[in-house]
All heavy atoms as atom14 arrays in JSON, in Angstrom:
{
  "sequence": "VAVSAAMNAVIAQNCFSTSGGNVVAKKGARIIERNES",
  "atom14_mask": [
    [1, 1, 1, 1, 1, 1, 1, 0, 0, 0, 0, 0, 0, 0],
    [1, 1, 1, 1, 1, 0, 0, 0, 0, 0, 0, 0, 0, 0],
    [1, 1, 1, 1, 1, 1, 1, 0, 0, 0, 0, 0, 0, 0],
    [1, 1, 1, 1, 1, 1, 0, 0, 0, 0, 0, 0, 0, 0],
    [1, 1, 1, 1, 1, 0, 0, 0, 0, 0, 0, 0, 0, 0],
    [1, 1, 1, 1, 1, 0, 0, 0, 0, 0, 0, 0, 0, 0],
    [1, 1, 1, 1, 1, 1, 1, 1, 0, 0, 0, 0, 0, 0],
    [1, 1, 1, 1, 1, 1, 1, 1, 0, 0, 0, 0, 0, 0],
    [1, 1, 1, 1, 1, 0, 0, 0, 0, 0, 0, 0, 0, 0],
    [1, 1, 1, 1, 1, 1, 1, 0, 0, 0, 0, 0, 0, 0],
    [1, 1, 1, 1, 1, 1, 1, 1, 0, 0, 0, 0, 0, 0],
    [1, 1, 1, 1, 1, 0, 0, 0, 0, 0, 0, 0, 0, 0],
    [1, 1, 1, 1, 1, 1, 1, 1, 1, 0, 0, 0, 0, 0],
    [1, 1, 1, 1, 1, 1, 1, 1, 0, 0, 0, 0, 0, 0],
    [1, 1, 1, 1, 1, 1, 0, 0, 0, 0, 0, 0, 0, 0],
    [1, 1, 1, 1, 1, 1, 1, 1, 1, 1, 1, 0, 0, 0],
    [1, 1, 1, 1, 1, 1, 0, 0, 0, 0, 0, 0, 0, 0],
    [1, 1, 1, 1, 1, 1, 1, 0, 0, 0, 0, 0, 0, 0],
    [1, 1, 1, 1, 1, 1, 0, 0, 0, 0, 0, 0, 0, 0],
    [1, 1, 1, 1, 0, 0, 0, 0, 0, 0, 0, 0, 0, 0],
    [1, 1, 1, 1, 0, 0, 0, 0, 0, 0, 0, 0, 0, 0],
    [1, 1, 1, 1, 1, 1, 1, 1, 0, 0, 0, 0, 0, 0],
    [1, 1, 1, 1, 1, 1, 1, 0, 0, 0, 0, 0, 0, 0],
    [1, 1, 1, 1, 1, 1, 1, 0, 0, 0, 0, 0, 0, 0],
    [1, 1, 1, 1, 1, 0, 0, 0, 0, 0, 0, 0, 0, 0],
    [1, 1, 1, 1, 1, 1, 1, 1, 1, 0, 0, 0, 0, 0],
    [1, 1, 1, 1, 1, 1, 1, 1, 1, 0, 0, 0, 0, 0],
    [1, 1, 1, 1, 0, 0, 0, 0, 0, 0, 0, 0, 0, 0],
    [1, 1, 1, 1, 1, 0, 0, 0, 0, 0, 0, 0, 0, 0],
    [1, 1, 1, 1, 1, 1, 1, 1, 1, 1, 1, 0, 0, 0],
    [1, 1, 1, 1, 1, 1, 1, 1, 0, 0, 0, 0, 0, 0],
    [1, 1, 1, 1, 1, 1, 1, 1, 0, 0, 0, 0, 0, 0],
    [1, 1, 1, 1, 1, 1, 1, 1, 1, 0, 0, 0, 0, 0],
    [1, 1, 1, 1, 1, 1, 1, 1, 1, 1, 1, 0, 0, 0],
    [1, 1, 1, 1, 1, 1, 1, 1, 0, 0, 0, 0, 0, 0],
    [1, 1, 1, 1, 1, 1, 1, 1, 1, 0, 0, 0, 0, 0],
    [1, 1, 1, 1, 1, 1, 0, 0, 0, 0, 0, 0, 0, 0]
  ],
  "atom14_positions": [
    [[109.65, 15.61, 159.96], [109.55, 16.67, 159.05], [108.04, 17.12, 158.89], [107.76, 18.2, 158.76], [109.97, 16.02, 157.54], [109.6, 17.04, 156.37], [111.36, 15.61, 157.64], [0.0, 0.0, 0.0], [0.0, 0.0, 0.0], [0.0, 0.0, 0.0], [0.0, 0.0, 0.0], [0.0, 0.0, 0.0], [0.0, 0.0, 0.0], [0.0, 0.0, 0.0]],
    [[107.13, 16.11, 159.01], [105.65, 16.48, 159.01], [105.37, 17.33, 160.38], [104.58, 18.17, 160.27], [104.77, 15.27, 159.09], [0.0, 0.0, 0.0], [0.0, 0.0, 0.0], [0.0, 0.0, 0.0], [0.0, 0.0, 0.0], [0.0, 0.0, 0.0], [0.0, 0.0, 0.0], [0.0, 0.0, 0.0], [0.0, 0.0, 0.0], [0.0, 0.0, 0.0]],
    [[105.91, 16.86, 161.45], [105.77, 17.69, 162.67], [106.19, 19.16, 162.58], [105.5, 20.08, 162.96], [106.37, 17.01, 164.01], [106.44, 17.96, 165.1], [105.77, 15.68, 164.17], [0.0, 0.0, 0.0], [0.0, 0.0, 0.0], [0.0, 0.0, 0.0], [0.0, 0.0, 0.0], [0.0, 0.0, 0.0], [0.0, 0.0, 0.0], [0.0, 0.0, 0.0]],
    [[107.37, 19.2, 162.03], [107.91, 20.48, 161.78], [107.22, 21.43, 160.97], [106.92, 22.59, 161.15], [109.5, 20.5, 161.22], [110.07, 21.7, 161.04], [0.0, 0.0, 0.0], [0.0, 0.0, 0.0], [0.0, 0.0, 0.0], [0.0, 0.0, 0.0], [0.0, 0.0, 0.0], [0.0, 0.0, 0.0], [0.0, 0.0, 0.0], [0.0, 0.0, 0.0]],
    [[106.59, 20.87, 159.75], [105.75, 21.48, 158.84], [104.47, 21.99, 159.56], [104.02, 23.16, 159.24], [105.47, 20.59, 157.57], [0.0, 0.0, 0.0], [0.0, 0.0, 0.0], [0.0, 0.0, 0.0], [0.0, 0.0, 0.0], [0.0, 0.0, 0.0], [0.0, 0.0, 0.0], [0.0, 0.0, 0.0], [0.0, 0.0, 0.0], [0.0, 0.0, 0.0]],
    [[104.0, 21.17, 160.39], [102.76, 21.5, 161.05], [102.96, 22.58, 162.02], [102.1, 23.53, 162.25], [102.18, 20.14, 161.74], [0.0, 0.0, 0.0], [0.0, 0.0, 0.0], [0.0, 0.0, 0.0], [0.0, 0.0, 0.0], [0.0, 0.0, 0.0], [0.0, 0.0, 0.0], [0.0, 0.0, 0.0], [0.0, 0.0, 0.0], [0.0, 0.0, 0.0]],
    [[104.05, 22.48, 162.67], [104.41, 23.72, 163.58], [104.65, 24.92, 162.79], [104.16, 26.09, 163.33], [105.65, 23.26, 164.39], [105.32, 22.09, 165.47], [106.77, 21.57, 166.44], [106.78, 22.92, 167.62], [0.0, 0.0, 0.0], [0.0, 0.0, 0.0], [0.0, 0.0, 0.0], [0.0, 0.0, 0.0], [0.0, 0.0, 0.0], [0.0, 0.0, 0.0]],
    [[105.32, 24.92, 161.78], [105.45, 26.11, 160.75], [104.06, 26.66, 160.38], [103.97, 27.92, 160.44], [106.26, 25.85, 159.66], [107.81, 25.56, 159.95], [108.14, 26.09, 161.05], [108.44, 24.83, 159.16], [0.0, 0.0, 0.0], [0.0, 0.0, 0.0], [0.0, 0.0, 0.0], [0.0, 0.0, 0.0], [0.0, 0.0, 0.0], [0.0, 0.0, 0.0]],
    [[103.14, 25.81, 160.2], [101.78, 26.28, 159.77], [101.12, 26.96, 160.83], [100.37, 27.98, 160.58], [101.0, 25.14, 159.18], [0.0, 0.0, 0.0], [0.0, 0.0, 0.0], [0.0, 0.0, 0.0], [0.0, 0.0, 0.0], [0.0, 0.0, 0.0], [0.0, 0.0, 0.0], [0.0, 0.0, 0.0], [0.0, 0.0, 0.0], [0.0, 0.0, 0.0]],
    [[101.3, 26.48, 162.03], [100.61, 27.08, 163.24], [101.19, 28.5, 163.43], [100.45, 29.42, 163.56], [100.85, 26.21, 164.61], [100.56, 26.97, 165.85], [100.1, 24.9, 164.47], [0.0, 0.0, 0.0], [0.0, 0.0, 0.0], [0.0, 0.0, 0.0], [0.0, 0.0, 0.0], [0.0, 0.0, 0.0], [0.0, 0.0, 0.0], [0.0, 0.0, 0.0]],
    [[102.54, 28.6, 163.33], [103.07, 29.95, 163.52], [102.74, 30.9, 162.31], [102.3, 31.92, 162.59], [104.68, 29.85, 163.5], [105.09, 29.09, 164.72], [105.3, 31.15, 163.39], [106.54, 28.63, 164.79], [0.0, 0.0, 0.0], [0.0, 0.0, 0.0], [0.0, 0.0, 0.0], [0.0, 0.0, 0.0], [0.0, 0.0, 0.0], [0.0, 0.0, 0.0]],
    [[102.68, 30.38, 161.15], [102.41, 31.25, 159.91], [100.99, 31.78, 159.96], [100.66, 32.85, 159.42], [102.65, 30.43, 158.65], [0.0, 0.0, 0.0], [0.0, 0.0, 0.0], [0.0, 0.0, 0.0], [0.0, 0.0, 0.0], [0.0, 0.0, 0.0], [0.0, 0.0, 0.0], [0.0, 0.0, 0.0], [0.0, 0.0, 0.0], [0.0, 0.0, 0.0]],
    [[100.12, 30.8, 160.44], [98.53, 31.1, 160.27], [98.21, 31.98, 161.6], [97.01, 32.41, 161.59], [97.62, 29.81, 160.11], [98.04, 29.25, 158.85], [97.16, 27.99, 158.72], [96.24, 27.72, 159.45], [97.58, 27.08, 157.61], [0.0, 0.0, 0.0], [0.0, 0.0, 0.0], [0.0, 0.0, 0.0], [0.0, 0.0, 0.0], [0.0, 0.0, 0.0]],
    [[99.04, 32.0, 162.61], [98.74, 32.83, 163.82], [97.25, 32.41, 164.22], [96.5, 33.39, 164.53], [98.92, 34.33, 163.55], [98.84, 35.11, 164.82], [99.3, 34.65, 165.87], [98.61, 36.45, 164.63], [0.0, 0.0, 0.0], [0.0, 0.0, 0.0], [0.0, 0.0, 0.0], [0.0, 0.0, 0.0], [0.0, 0.0, 0.0], [0.0, 0.0, 0.0]],
    [[97.09, 31.15, 164.46], [95.68, 30.72, 164.78], [95.37, 30.54, 166.13], [94.31, 30.14, 166.62], [95.35, 29.4, 164.0], [96.66, 28.13, 164.26], [0.0, 0.0, 0.0], [0.0, 0.0, 0.0], [0.0, 0.0, 0.0], [0.0, 0.0, 0.0], [0.0, 0.0, 0.0], [0.0, 0.0, 0.0], [0.0, 0.0, 0.0], [0.0, 0.0, 0.0]],
    [[96.37, 30.96, 166.99], [96.11, 30.78, 168.55], [96.36, 32.13, 169.25], [97.43, 32.75, 169.01], [96.98, 29.71, 169.25], [96.57, 28.2, 168.76], [97.25, 27.64, 167.81], [95.65, 27.57, 169.48], [97.09, 26.33, 167.38], [95.09, 26.39, 169.02], [95.96, 25.68, 167.94], [0.0, 0.0, 0.0], [0.0, 0.0, 0.0], [0.0, 0.0, 0.0]],
    [[95.52, 32.56, 170.17], [95.73, 33.78, 170.89], [95.99, 33.36, 172.33], [95.32, 32.6, 172.96], [94.45, 34.58, 170.83], [94.48, 35.72, 171.66], [0.0, 0.0, 0.0], [0.0, 0.0, 0.0], [0.0, 0.0, 0.0], [0.0, 0.0, 0.0], [0.0, 0.0, 0.0], [0.0, 0.0, 0.0], [0.0, 0.0, 0.0], [0.0, 0.0, 0.0]],
    [[97.19, 33.81, 172.76], [97.55, 33.47, 174.2], [97.9, 34.71, 175.04], [98.05, 35.87, 174.45], [99.03, 32.7, 174.11], [100.05, 33.65, 173.82], [99.02, 31.67, 173.04], [0.0, 0.0, 0.0], [0.0, 0.0, 0.0], [0.0, 0.0, 0.0], [0.0, 0.0, 0.0], [0.0, 0.0, 0.0], [0.0, 0.0, 0.0], [0.0, 0.0, 0.0]],
    [[97.92, 34.46, 176.25], [98.07, 35.71, 177.13], [99.6, 36.19, 176.92], [100.03, 37.22, 177.38], [97.85, 35.37, 178.58], [98.65, 34.19, 179.03], [0.0, 0.0, 0.0], [0.0, 0.0, 0.0], [0.0, 0.0, 0.0], [0.0, 0.0, 0.0], [0.0, 0.0, 0.0], [0.0, 0.0, 0.0], [0.0, 0.0, 0.0], [0.0, 0.0, 0.0]],
    [[100.45, 35.22, 176.43], [101.89, 35.66, 176.2], [102.16, 36.28, 174.92], [103.29, 36.33, 174.48], [0.0, 0.0, 0.0], [0.0, 0.0, 0.0], [0.0, 0.0, 0.0], [0.0, 0.0, 0.0], [0.0, 0.0, 0.0], [0.0, 0.0, 0.0], [0.0, 0.0, 0.0], [0.0, 0.0, 0.0], [0.0, 0.0, 0.0], [0.0, 0.0, 0.0]],
    [[101.01, 36.52, 174.11], [101.34, 37.11, 172.84], [101.11, 35.98, 171.68], [100.8, 34.85, 172.03], [0.0, 0.0, 0.0], [0.0, 0.0, 0.0], [0.0, 0.0, 0.0], [0.0, 0.0, 0.0], [0.0, 0.0, 0.0], [0.0, 0.0, 0.0], [0.0, 0.0, 0.0], [0.0, 0.0, 0.0], [0.0, 0.0, 0.0], [0.0, 0.0, 0.0]],
    [[101.52, 36.46, 170.52], [101.48, 35.45, 169.37], [102.45, 34.39, 169.44], [103.63, 34.56, 170.1], [101.56, 36.32, 168.09], [100.51, 37.14, 167.81], [99.41, 37.01, 168.18], [100.82, 38.29, 167.08], [0.0, 0.0, 0.0], [0.0, 0.0, 0.0], [0.0, 0.0, 0.0], [0.0, 0.0, 0.0], [0.0, 0.0, 0.0], [0.0, 0.0, 0.0]],
    [[102.22, 33.33, 168.87], [103.09, 32.19, 168.85], [104.16, 32.46, 167.67], [103.63, 32.78, 166.55], [102.38, 30.73, 168.54], [103.45, 29.72, 168.4], [101.37, 30.49, 169.6], [0.0, 0.0, 0.0], [0.0, 0.0, 0.0], [0.0, 0.0, 0.0], [0.0, 0.0, 0.0], [0.0, 0.0, 0.0], [0.0, 0.0, 0.0], [0.0, 0.0, 0.0]],
    [[105.55, 32.48, 168.03], [106.45, 32.94, 167.11], [107.51, 32.12, 166.78], [108.25, 32.2, 165.73], [107.02, 34.38, 167.6], [105.94, 35.48, 167.59], [107.6, 34.24, 168.86], [0.0, 0.0, 0.0], [0.0, 0.0, 0.0], [0.0, 0.0, 0.0], [0.0, 0.0, 0.0], [0.0, 0.0, 0.0], [0.0, 0.0, 0.0], [0.0, 0.0, 0.0]],
    [[107.69, 31.08, 167.65], [108.91, 30.17, 167.28], [108.58, 28.66, 167.87], [107.99, 28.57, 168.92], [110.17, 30.7, 168.12], [0.0, 0.0, 0.0], [0.0, 0.0, 0.0], [0.0, 0.0, 0.0], [0.0, 0.0, 0.0], [0.0, 0.0, 0.0], [0.0, 0.0, 0.0], [0.0, 0.0, 0.0], [0.0, 0.0, 0.0], [0.0, 0.0, 0.0]],
    [[109.28, 27.77, 167.17], [109.33, 26.44, 167.58], [110.2, 26.16, 168.69], [111.42, 26.66, 168.68], [109.59, 25.43, 166.41], [108.68, 25.52, 165.35], [109.04, 24.55, 164.22], [110.16, 24.95, 163.4], [110.34, 24.12, 162.15], [0.0, 0.0, 0.0], [0.0, 0.0, 0.0], [0.0, 0.0, 0.0], [0.0, 0.0, 0.0], [0.0, 0.0, 0.0]],
    [[109.83, 25.49, 169.66], [110.73, 25.15, 170.8], [111.22, 23.67, 170.82], [112.28, 23.31, 171.05], [110.16, 25.48, 172.22], [110.87, 25.38, 173.45], [110.25, 25.78, 174.63], [111.17, 25.51, 175.91], [110.33, 25.86, 177.12], [0.0, 0.0, 0.0], [0.0, 0.0, 0.0], [0.0, 0.0, 0.0], [0.0, 0.0, 0.0], [0.0, 0.0, 0.0]],
    [[110.11, 22.75, 170.49], [110.39, 21.39, 170.52], [109.15, 20.57, 170.38], [108.07, 21.23, 170.29], [0.0, 0.0, 0.0], [0.0, 0.0, 0.0], [0.0, 0.0, 0.0], [0.0, 0.0, 0.0], [0.0, 0.0, 0.0], [0.0, 0.0, 0.0], [0.0, 0.0, 0.0], [0.0, 0.0, 0.0], [0.0, 0.0, 0.0], [0.0, 0.0, 0.0]],
    [[109.25, 19.3, 170.4], [108.12, 18.42, 170.2], [108.52, 17.01, 170.9], [109.75, 16.76, 170.97], [107.77, 18.09, 168.7], [0.0, 0.0, 0.0], [0.0, 0.0, 0.0], [0.0, 0.0, 0.0], [0.0, 0.0, 0.0], [0.0, 0.0, 0.0], [0.0, 0.0, 0.0], [0.0, 0.0, 0.0], [0.0, 0.0, 0.0], [0.0, 0.0, 0.0]],
    [[107.58, 16.4, 171.51], [107.94, 15.27, 172.25], [106.63, 14.28, 172.33], [105.59, 14.77, 172.25], [108.52, 15.52, 173.59], [107.42, 16.11, 174.46], [108.23, 16.39, 175.87], [107.3, 17.29, 176.75], [107.67, 17.72, 177.89], [108.72, 17.43, 178.49], [106.78, 18.28, 178.56], [0.0, 0.0, 0.0], [0.0, 0.0, 0.0], [0.0, 0.0, 0.0]],
    [[106.96, 13.0, 172.43], [106.06, 12.09, 172.65], [106.0, 11.78, 174.13], [107.0, 11.54, 174.72], [106.31, 10.68, 171.99], [106.3, 10.85, 170.43], [105.31, 9.58, 172.36], [104.88, 11.02, 169.84], [0.0, 0.0, 0.0], [0.0, 0.0, 0.0], [0.0, 0.0, 0.0], [0.0, 0.0, 0.0], [0.0, 0.0, 0.0], [0.0, 0.0, 0.0]],
    [[104.74, 11.79, 174.76], [104.52, 11.43, 176.09], [103.7, 10.37, 176.23], [102.68, 10.09, 175.66], [103.88, 12.73, 176.85], [104.55, 13.92, 176.72], [103.67, 12.32, 178.32], [103.99, 15.2, 177.07], [0.0, 0.0, 0.0], [0.0, 0.0, 0.0], [0.0, 0.0, 0.0], [0.0, 0.0, 0.0], [0.0, 0.0, 0.0], [0.0, 0.0, 0.0]],
    [[104.28, 9.29, 177.13], [103.64, 8.05, 177.41], [103.2, 8.03, 178.9], [103.84, 8.36, 179.73], [104.58, 6.85, 177.11], [104.97, 6.67, 175.55], [105.86, 5.47, 175.51], [105.44, 4.43, 176.0], [106.8, 5.51, 174.66], [0.0, 0.0, 0.0], [0.0, 0.0, 0.0], [0.0, 0.0, 0.0], [0.0, 0.0, 0.0], [0.0, 0.0, 0.0]],
    [[101.88, 7.69, 178.94], [101.45, 7.55, 180.31], [100.82, 6.13, 180.53], [99.96, 5.69, 179.85], [100.19, 8.69, 180.49], [99.83, 8.78, 181.86], [98.65, 9.73, 181.92], [97.49, 9.32, 181.38], [96.63, 9.98, 180.66], [96.86, 11.16, 180.34], [95.53, 9.51, 180.24], [0.0, 0.0, 0.0], [0.0, 0.0, 0.0], [0.0, 0.0, 0.0]],
    [[101.18, 5.66, 181.82], [100.63, 4.39, 182.09], [99.63, 4.63, 183.17], [99.82, 5.36, 184.18], [101.6, 3.37, 182.72], [102.6, 2.87, 181.64], [102.16, 2.69, 180.31], [103.96, 2.83, 181.96], [0.0, 0.0, 0.0], [0.0, 0.0, 0.0], [0.0, 0.0, 0.0], [0.0, 0.0, 0.0], [0.0, 0.0, 0.0], [0.0, 0.0, 0.0]],
    [[98.48, 3.82, 183.15], [97.43, 3.89, 184.22], [97.08, 2.63, 184.6], [97.01, 1.67, 183.99], [96.17, 4.59, 183.7], [96.44, 6.02, 183.17], [95.21, 6.67, 182.65], [93.95, 6.16, 182.8], [95.2, 7.75, 182.04], [0.0, 0.0, 0.0], [0.0, 0.0, 0.0], [0.0, 0.0, 0.0], [0.0, 0.0, 0.0], [0.0, 0.0, 0.0]],
    [[96.97, 2.48, 185.97], [96.6, 1.29, 186.63], [95.52, 1.52, 187.67], [95.69, 2.41, 188.49], [97.82, 0.47, 187.24], [98.82, 0.25, 186.35], [0.0, 0.0, 0.0], [0.0, 0.0, 0.0], [0.0, 0.0, 0.0], [0.0, 0.0, 0.0], [0.0, 0.0, 0.0], [0.0, 0.0, 0.0], [0.0, 0.0, 0.0], [0.0, 0.0, 0.0]]
  ]
}
C-alpha cells in the first residue's frame, strides 16, 4: 500500500523528466536481491 502510494505521488507530482515523456502509469514494483562473492 505504501509502495503504491509513493508511486502515485511520483506520477501526480511529475517530478521526473524523461526522454520518453512524463511518467503517467504504474507498471509494477519488485525486490531485487544480489549476491556478491
